[in-house]
Amino acid sequence: MAHYTELFPDDGRMCPNCWGFGRAAVTVGTRHDDGSHTIVFANCIGCNGLGWLPLQLIADAYNAAIARREVAA
């Protein structure tokens, strides 16, 4: 059995938009004929549902956030 750190490495590549939860299941409110809920899956637009990004993209997003914070202050 794989260890937790092998399945979810903490190497700083987590998506800053979804915090690692790249895909969400959302119930729409309608039901199927058998009574079960209709479910729609939504992917994060930043990582396309992966939950992680390459390190360079994370560094670019972090630097852009710092630049916006400095301009706003």
PDB file of N, CA and C in Angstrom:
ATOM      1  N   MET A   1       0.846  -1.181   0.000  1.00  0.00           N
ATOM      2  CA  MET A   1       0.000   0.000   0.000  1.00  0.00           C
ATOM      3  C   MET A   1       0.888   1.239   0.000  1.00  0.00           C
ATOM      4  N   ALA A   2       0.486   2.211  -0.803  1.00  0.00           N
ATOM      5  CA  ALA A   2       1.282   3.431  -0.922  1.00  0.00           C
ATOM      6  C   ALA A   2       1.114   4.295   0.323  1.00  0.00           C
ATOM      7  N   HIS A   3       2.186   4.945   0.680  1.00  0.00           N
ATOM      8  CA  HIS A   3       2.176   5.835   1.833  1.00  0.00           C
ATOM      9  C   HIS A   3       1.495   7.152   1.453  1.00  0.00           C
ATOM     10  N   TYR A   4       0.929   7.843   2.430  1.00  0.00           N
ATOM     11  CA  TYR A   4       0.208   9.093   2.182  1.00  0.00           C
ATOM     12  C   TYR A   4       1.081  10.113   1.471  1.00  0.00           C
ATOM     13  N   THR A   5       2.342  10.236   1.876  1.00  0.00           N
ATOM     14  CA  THR A   5       3.218  11.236   1.263  1.00  0.00           C
ATOM     15  C   THR A   5       3.581  10.875  -0.166  1.00  0.00           C
ATOM     16  N   GLU A   6       3.464   9.609  -0.542  1.00  0.00           N
ATOM     17  CA  GLU A   6       3.705   9.237  -1.934  1.00  0.00           C
ATOM     18  C   GLU A   6       2.513   9.607  -2.806  1.00  0.00           C
ATOM     19  N   LEU A   7       1.311   9.482  -2.260  1.00  0.00           N
ATOM     20  CA  LEU A   7       0.116   9.813  -3.026  1.00  0.00           C
ATOM     21  C   LEU A   7      -0.101  11.314  -3.129  1.00  0.00           C
ATOM     22  N   PHE A   8       0.201  12.054  -2.070  1.00  0.00           N
ATOM     23  CA  PHE A   8      -0.013  13.499  -2.023  1.00  0.00           C
ATOM     24  C   PHE A   8       1.283  14.187  -1.594  1.00  0.00           C
ATOM     25  N   PRO A   9       2.232  14.363  -2.512  1.00  0.00           N
ATOM     26  CA  PRO A   9       3.497  14.986  -2.127  1.00  0.00           C
ATOM     27  C   PRO A   9       3.320  16.455  -1.785  1.00  0.00           C
ATOM     28  N   ASP A  10       4.019  16.895  -0.769  1.00  0.00           N
ATOM     29  CA  ASP A  10       3.979  18.298  -0.360  1.00  0.00           C
ATOM     30  C   ASP A  10       5.241  18.985  -0.866  1.00  0.00           C
ATOM     31  N   ASP A  11       5.300  19.187  -2.168  1.00  0.00           N
ATOM     32  CA  ASP A  11       6.493  19.788  -2.761  1.00  0.00           C
ATOM     33  C   ASP A  11       6.221  21.184  -3.312  1.00  0.00           C
ATOM     34  N   GLY A  12       5.132  21.805  -2.889  1.00  0.00           N
ATOM     35  CA  GLY A  12       4.855  23.166  -3.304  1.00  0.00           C
ATOM     36  C   GLY A  12       4.176  23.290  -4.642  1.00  0.00           C
ATOM     37  N   ARG A  13       3.676  22.201  -5.217  1.00  0.00           N
ATOM     38  CA  ARG A  13       3.051  22.275  -6.530  1.00  0.00           C
ATOM     39  C   ARG A  13       1.527  22.328  -6.458  1.00  0.00           C
ATOM     40  N   MET A  14       0.972  22.474  -5.271  1.00  0.00           N
ATOM     41  CA  MET A  14      -0.474  22.516  -5.136  1.00  0.00           C
ATOM     42  C   MET A  14      -1.032  23.748  -5.850  1.00  0.00           C
ATOM     43  N   CYS A  15      -2.137  23.574  -6.521  1.00  0.00           N
ATOM     44  CA  CYS A  15      -2.754  24.665  -7.269  1.00  0.00           C
ATOM     45  C   CYS A  15      -3.228  25.745  -6.304  1.00  0.00           C
ATOM     46  N   PRO A  16      -2.854  27.008  -6.515  1.00  0.00           N
ATOM     47  CA  PRO A  16      -3.286  28.074  -5.611  1.00  0.00           C
ATOM     48  C   PRO A  16      -4.756  28.455  -5.788  1.00  0.00           C
ATOM     49  N   ASN A  17      -5.370  28.044  -6.895  1.00  0.00           N
ATOM     50  CA  ASN A  17      -6.777  28.378  -7.125  1.00  0.00           C
ATOM     51  C   ASN A  17      -7.722  27.454  -6.368  1.00  0.00           C
ATOM     52  N   CYS A  18      -7.417  26.159  -6.357  1.00  0.00           N
ATOM     53  CA  CYS A  18      -8.335  25.187  -5.749  1.00  0.00           C
ATOM     54  C   CYS A  18      -7.752  24.517  -4.516  1.00  0.00           C
ATOM     55  N   TRP A  19      -6.533  24.827  -4.143  1.00  0.00           N
ATOM     56  CA  TRP A  19      -5.838  24.273  -2.972  1.00  0.00           C
ATOM     57  C   TRP A  19      -5.734  22.765  -3.028  1.00  0.00           C
ATOM     58  N   GLY A  20      -5.569  22.219  -4.221  1.00  0.00           N
ATOM     59  CA  GLY A  20      -5.381  20.783  -4.370  1.00  0.00           C
ATOM     60  C   GLY A  20      -6.643  19.995  -4.624  1.00  0.00           C
ATOM     61  N   PHE A  21      -7.801  20.625  -4.518  1.00  0.00           N
ATOM     62  CA  PHE A  21      -9.064  19.941  -4.801  1.00  0.00           C
ATOM     63  C   PHE A  21      -9.493  20.332  -6.208  1.00  0.00           C
ATOM     64  N   GLY A  22      -8.912  19.687  -7.207  1.00  0.00           N
ATOM     65  CA  GLY A  22      -9.083  20.088  -8.598  1.00  0.00           C
ATOM     66  C   GLY A  22     -10.419  19.746  -9.218  1.00  0.00           C
ATOM     67  N   ARG A  23     -11.151  18.818  -8.630  1.00  0.00           N
ATOM     68  CA  ARG A  23     -12.424  18.413  -9.214  1.00  0.00           C
ATOM     69  C   ARG A  23     -13.466  18.318  -8.114  1.00  0.00           C
ATOM     70  N   ALA A  24     -14.636  18.867  -8.368  1.00  0.00           N
ATOM     71  CA  ALA A  24     -15.715  18.852  -7.382  1.00  0.00           C
ATOM     72  C   ALA A  24     -16.966  18.257  -7.999  1.00  0.00           C
ATOM     73  N   ALA A  25     -17.702  17.505  -7.195  1.00  0.00           N
ATOM     74  CA  ALA A  25     -18.990  16.969  -7.618  1.00  0.00           C
ATOM     75  C   ALA A  25     -20.079  17.865  -7.053  1.00  0.00           C
ATOM     76  N   VAL A  26     -20.954  18.345  -7.917  1.00  0.00           N
ATOM     77  CA  VAL A  26     -21.992  19.278  -7.517  1.00  0.00           C
ATOM     78  C   VAL A  26     -23.352  18.673  -7.874  1.00  0.00           C
ATOM     79  N   THR A  27     -24.258  18.619  -6.900  1.00  0.00           N
ATOM     80  CA  THR A  27     -25.614  18.170  -7.211  1.00  0.00           C
ATOM     81  C   THR A  27     -26.392  19.346  -7.766  1.00  0.00           C
ATOM     82  N   VAL A  28     -27.099  19.102  -8.843  1.00  0.00           N
ATOM     83  CA  VAL A  28     -27.778  20.162  -9.566  1.00  0.00           C
ATOM     84  C   VAL A  28     -29.139  20.474  -8.950  1.00  0.00           C
ATOM     85  N   GLY A  29     -29.787  19.503  -8.356  1.00  0.00           N
ATOM     86  CA  GLY A  29     -31.098  19.709  -7.766  1.00  0.00           C
ATOM     87  C   GLY A  29     -32.167  18.880  -8.438  1.00  0.00           C
ATOM     88  N   THR A  30     -31.925  18.481  -9.677  1.00  0.00           N
ATOM     89  CA  THR A  30     -32.880  17.602 -10.344  1.00  0.00           C
ATOM     90  C   THR A  30     -32.566  16.155  -9.985  1.00  0.00           C
ATOM     91  N   ARG A  31     -33.513  15.282 -10.271  1.00  0.00           N
ATOM     92  CA  ARG A  31     -33.344  13.863  -9.940  1.00  0.00           C
ATOM     93  C   ARG A  31     -33.588  12.998 -11.175  1.00  0.00           C
ATOM     94  N   HIS A  32     -32.961  11.825 -11.168  1.00  0.00           N
ATOM     95  CA  HIS A  32     -33.209  10.822 -12.198  1.00  0.00           C
ATOM     96  C   HIS A  32     -34.522  10.114 -11.901  1.00  0.00           C
ATOM     97  N   ASP A  33     -34.959   9.261 -12.824  1.00  0.00           N
ATOM     98  CA  ASP A  33     -36.220   8.533 -12.644  1.00  0.00           C
ATOM     99  C   ASP A  33     -36.192   7.614 -11.426  1.00  0.00           C
ATOM    100  N   ASP A  34     -34.992   7.115 -11.070  1.00  0.00           N
ATOM    101  CA  ASP A  34     -34.899   6.215  -9.916  1.00  0.00           C
ATOM    102  C   ASP A  34     -34.776   6.975  -8.588  1.00  0.00           C
ATOM    103  N   GLY A  35     -34.787   8.306  -8.625  1.00  0.00           N
ATOM    104  CA  GLY A  35     -34.724   9.105  -7.402  1.00  0.00           C
ATOM    105  C   GLY A  35     -33.341   9.594  -7.024  1.00  0.00           C
ATOM    106  N   SER A  36     -32.308   9.154  -7.711  1.00  0.00           N
ATOM    107  CA  SER A  36     -30.955   9.603  -7.389  1.00  0.00           C
ATOM    108  C   SER A  36     -30.726  11.013  -7.937  1.00  0.00           C
ATOM    109  N   HIS A  37     -29.811  11.730  -7.314  1.00  0.00           N
ATOM    110  CA  HIS A  37     -29.521  13.115  -7.702  1.00  0.00           C
ATOM    111  C   HIS A  37     -28.714  13.168  -8.989  1.00  0.00           C
ATOM    112  N   THR A  38     -28.916  14.227  -9.743  1.00  0.00           N
ATOM    113  CA  THR A  38     -28.098  14.493 -10.916  1.00  0.00           C
ATOM    114  C   THR A  38     -26.828  15.187 -10.443  1.00  0.00           C
ATOM    115  N   ILE A  39     -25.673  14.677 -10.848  1.00  0.00           N
ATOM    116  CA  ILE A  39     -24.385  15.205 -10.400  1.00  0.00           C
ATOM    117  C   ILE A  39     -23.607  15.722 -11.605  1.00  0.00           C
ATOM    118  N   VAL A  40     -23.043  16.915 -11.451  1.00  0.00           N
ATOM    119  CA  VAL A  40     -22.190  17.511 -12.467  1.00  0.00           C
ATOM    120  C   VAL A  40     -20.806  17.661 -11.858  1.00  0.00           C
ATOM    121  N   PHE A  41     -19.771  17.298 -12.616  1.00  0.00           N
ATOM    122  CA  PHE A  41     -18.398  17.439 -12.139  1.00  0.00           C
ATOM    123  C   PHE A  41     -17.809  18.727 -12.698  1.00  0.00           C
ATOM    124  N   ALA A  42     -17.192  19.521 -11.822  1.00  0.00           N
ATOM    125  CA  ALA A  42     -16.590  20.791 -12.214  1.00  0.00           C
ATOM    126  C   ALA A  42     -15.087  20.736 -11.972  1.00  0.00           C
ATOM    127  N   ASN A  43     -14.316  21.065 -12.994  1.00  0.00           N
ATOM    128  CA  ASN A  43     -12.861  21.092 -12.894  1.00  0.00           C
ATOM    129  C   ASN A  43     -12.376  22.508 -12.601  1.00  0.00           C
ATOM    130  N   CYS A  44     -11.288  22.604 -11.852  1.00  0.00           N
ATOM    131  CA  CYS A  44     -10.644  23.888 -11.603  1.00  0.00           C
ATOM    132  C   CYS A  44     -10.106  24.430 -12.922  1.00  0.00           C
ATOM    133  N   ILE A  45     -10.295  25.728 -13.156  1.00  0.00           N
ATOM    134  CA  ILE A  45      -9.816  26.299 -14.418  1.00  0.00           C
ATOM    135  C   ILE A  45      -8.308  26.555 -14.398  1.00  0.00           C
ATOM    136  N   GLY A  46      -7.726  26.593 -13.208  1.00  0.00           N
ATOM    137  CA  GLY A  46      -6.289  26.841 -13.114  1.00  0.00           C
ATOM    138  C   GLY A  46      -5.449  25.616 -13.437  1.00  0.00           C
ATOM    139  N   CYS A  47      -5.851  24.459 -12.897  1.00  0.00           N
ATOM    140  CA  CYS A  47      -5.053  23.236 -13.067  1.00  0.00           C
ATOM    141  C   CYS A  47      -5.759  22.189 -13.911  1.00  0.00           C
ATOM    142  N   ASN A  48      -6.938  22.512 -14.420  1.00  0.00           N
ATOM    143  CA  ASN A  48      -7.728  21.621 -15.249  1.00  0.00           C
ATOM    144  C   ASN A  48      -8.079  20.315 -14.525  1.00  0.00           C
ATOM    145  N   GLY A  49      -8.338  20.409 -13.232  1.00  0.00           N
ATOM    146  CA  GLY A  49      -8.783  19.262 -12.468  1.00  0.00           C
ATOM    147  C   GLY A  49      -7.685  18.405 -11.877  1.00  0.00           C
ATOM    148  N   LEU A  50      -6.427  18.774 -12.043  1.00  0.00           N
ATOM    149  CA  LEU A  50      -5.331  17.961 -11.522  1.00  0.00           C
ATOM    150  C   LEU A  50      -5.063  18.202 -10.036  1.00  0.00           C
ATOM    151  N   GLY A  51      -5.193  19.426  -9.586  1.00  0.00           N
ATOM    152  CA  GLY A  51      -4.894  19.770  -8.203  1.00  0.00           C
ATOM    153  C   GLY A  51      -3.466  20.234  -7.992  1.00  0.00           C
ATOM    154  N   TRP A  52      -2.648  20.168  -9.006  1.00  0.00           N
ATOM    155  CA  TRP A  52      -1.257  20.627  -8.900  1.00  0.00           C
ATOM    156  C   TRP A  52      -0.855  21.299 -10.209  1.00  0.00           C
ATOM    157  N   LEU A  53       0.194  22.087 -10.136  1.00  0.00           N
ATOM    158  CA  LEU A  53       0.722  22.804 -11.295  1.00  0.00           C
ATOM    159  C   LEU A  53       2.238  22.642 -11.348  1.00  0.00           C
ATOM    160  N   PRO A  54       2.838  22.847 -12.517  1.00  0.00           N
ATOM    161  CA  PRO A  54       4.303  22.900 -12.566  1.00  0.00           C
ATOM    162  C   PRO A  54       4.819  24.048 -11.707  1.00  0.00           C
ATOM    163  N   LEU A  55       5.991  23.886 -11.152  1.00  0.00           N
ATOM    164  CA  LEU A  55       6.542  24.878 -10.220  1.00  0.00           C
ATOM    165  C   LEU A  55       6.662  26.262 -10.835  1.00  0.00           C
ATOM    166  N   GLN A  56       6.991  26.360 -12.116  1.00  0.00           N
ATOM    167  CA  GLN A  56       7.152  27.669 -12.743  1.00  0.00           C
ATOM    168  C   GLN A  56       5.830  28.423 -12.795  1.00  0.00           C
ATOM    169  N   LEU A  57       4.736  27.733 -13.065  1.00  0.00           N
ATOM    170  CA  LEU A  57       3.440  28.401 -13.105  1.00  0.00           C
ATOM    171  C   LEU A  57       3.030  28.901 -11.730  1.00  0.00           C
ATOM    172  N   ILE A  58       3.349  28.145 -10.688  1.00  0.00           N
ATOM    173  CA  ILE A  58       3.030  28.580  -9.330  1.00  0.00           C
ATOM    174  C   ILE A  58       3.867  29.798  -8.964  1.00  0.00           C
ATOM    175  N   ALA A  59       5.141  29.794  -9.349  1.00  0.00           N
ATOM    176  CA  ALA A  59       6.002  30.947  -9.067  1.00  0.00           C
ATOM    177  C   ALA A  59       5.494  32.186  -9.787  1.00  0.00           C
ATOM    178  N   ASP A  60       5.025  32.036 -11.030  1.00  0.00           N
ATOM    179  CA  ASP A  60       4.486  33.172 -11.774  1.00  0.00           C
ATOM    180  C   ASP A  60       3.221  33.714 -11.118  1.00  0.00           C
ATOM    181  N   ALA A  61       2.327  32.818 -10.673  1.00  0.00           N
ATOM    182  CA  ALA A  61       1.092  33.259 -10.015  1.00  0.00           C
ATOM    183  C   ALA A  61       1.401  33.942  -8.690  1.00  0.00           C
ATOM    184  N   TYR A  62       2.372  33.435  -7.952  1.00  0.00           N
ATOM    185  CA  TYR A  62       2.749  34.033  -6.669  1.00  0.00           C
ATOM    186  C   TYR A  62       3.339  35.425  -6.886  1.00  0.00           C
ATOM    187  N   ASN A  63       4.213  35.557  -7.859  1.00  0.00           N
ATOM    188  CA  ASN A  63       4.823  36.863  -8.140  1.00  0.00           C
ATOM    189  C   ASN A  63       3.787  37.874  -8.630  1.00  0.00           C
ATOM    190  N   ALA A  64       2.810  37.433  -9.425  1.00  0.00           N
ATOM    191  CA  ALA A  64       1.755  38.332  -9.884  1.00  0.00           C
ATOM    192  C   ALA A  64       0.878  38.787  -8.717  1.00  0.00           C
ATOM    193  N   ALA A  65       0.610  37.900  -7.777  1.00  0.00           N
ATOM    194  CA  ALA A  65      -0.194  38.268  -6.607  1.00  0.00           C
ATOM    195  C   ALA A  65       0.539  39.288  -5.750  1.00  0.00           C
ATOM    196  N   ILE A  66       1.845  39.131  -5.613  1.00  0.00           N
ATOM    197  CA  ILE A  66       2.629  40.094  -4.826  1.00  0.00           C
ATOM    198  C   ILE A  66       2.656  41.445  -5.531  1.00  0.00           C
ATOM    199  N   ALA A  67       2.765  41.434  -6.853  1.00  0.00           N
ATOM    200  CA  ALA A  67       2.774  42.692  -7.605  1.00  0.00           C
ATOM    201  C   ALA A  67       1.433  43.397  -7.468  1.00  0.00           C
ATOM    202  N   ARG A  68       0.316  42.655  -7.511  1.00  0.00           N
ATOM    203  CA  ARG A  68      -0.995  43.283  -7.330  1.00  0.00           C
ATOM    204  C   ARG A  68      -1.153  43.849  -5.936  1.00  0.00           C
ATOM    205  N   ARG A  69      -0.625  43.153  -4.935  1.00  0.00           N
ATOM    206  CA  ARG A  69      -0.743  43.633  -3.564  1.00  0.00           C
ATOM    207  C   ARG A  69       0.044  44.926  -3.375  1.00  0.00           C
ATOM    208  N   GLU A  70       1.212  45.036  -4.011  1.00  0.00           N
ATOM    209  CA  GLU A  70       2.031  46.239  -3.880  1.00  0.00           C
ATOM    210  C   GLU A  70       1.374  47.416  -4.579  1.00  0.00           C
ATOM    211  N   VAL A  71       0.711  47.175  -5.707  1.00  0.00           N
ATOM    212  CA  VAL A  71       0.045  48.258  -6.429  1.00  0.00           C
ATOM    213  C   VAL A  71      -1.156  48.749  -5.643  1.00  0.00           C
ATOM    214  N   ALA A  72      -1.884  47.827  -5.006  1.00  0.00           N
ATOM    215  CA  ALA A  72      -3.080  48.195  -4.260  1.00  0.00           C
ATOM    216  C   ALA A  72      -2.743  48.954  -2.975  1.00  0.00           C
ATOM    217  N   ALA A  73      -1.566  48.730  -2.431  1.00  0.00           N
ATOM    218  CA  ALA A  73      -1.212  49.365  -1.146  1.00  0.00           C
ATOM    219  C   ALA A  73      -0.756  50.779  -1.280  1.00  0.00           C
TER     220      ALA A  73
END
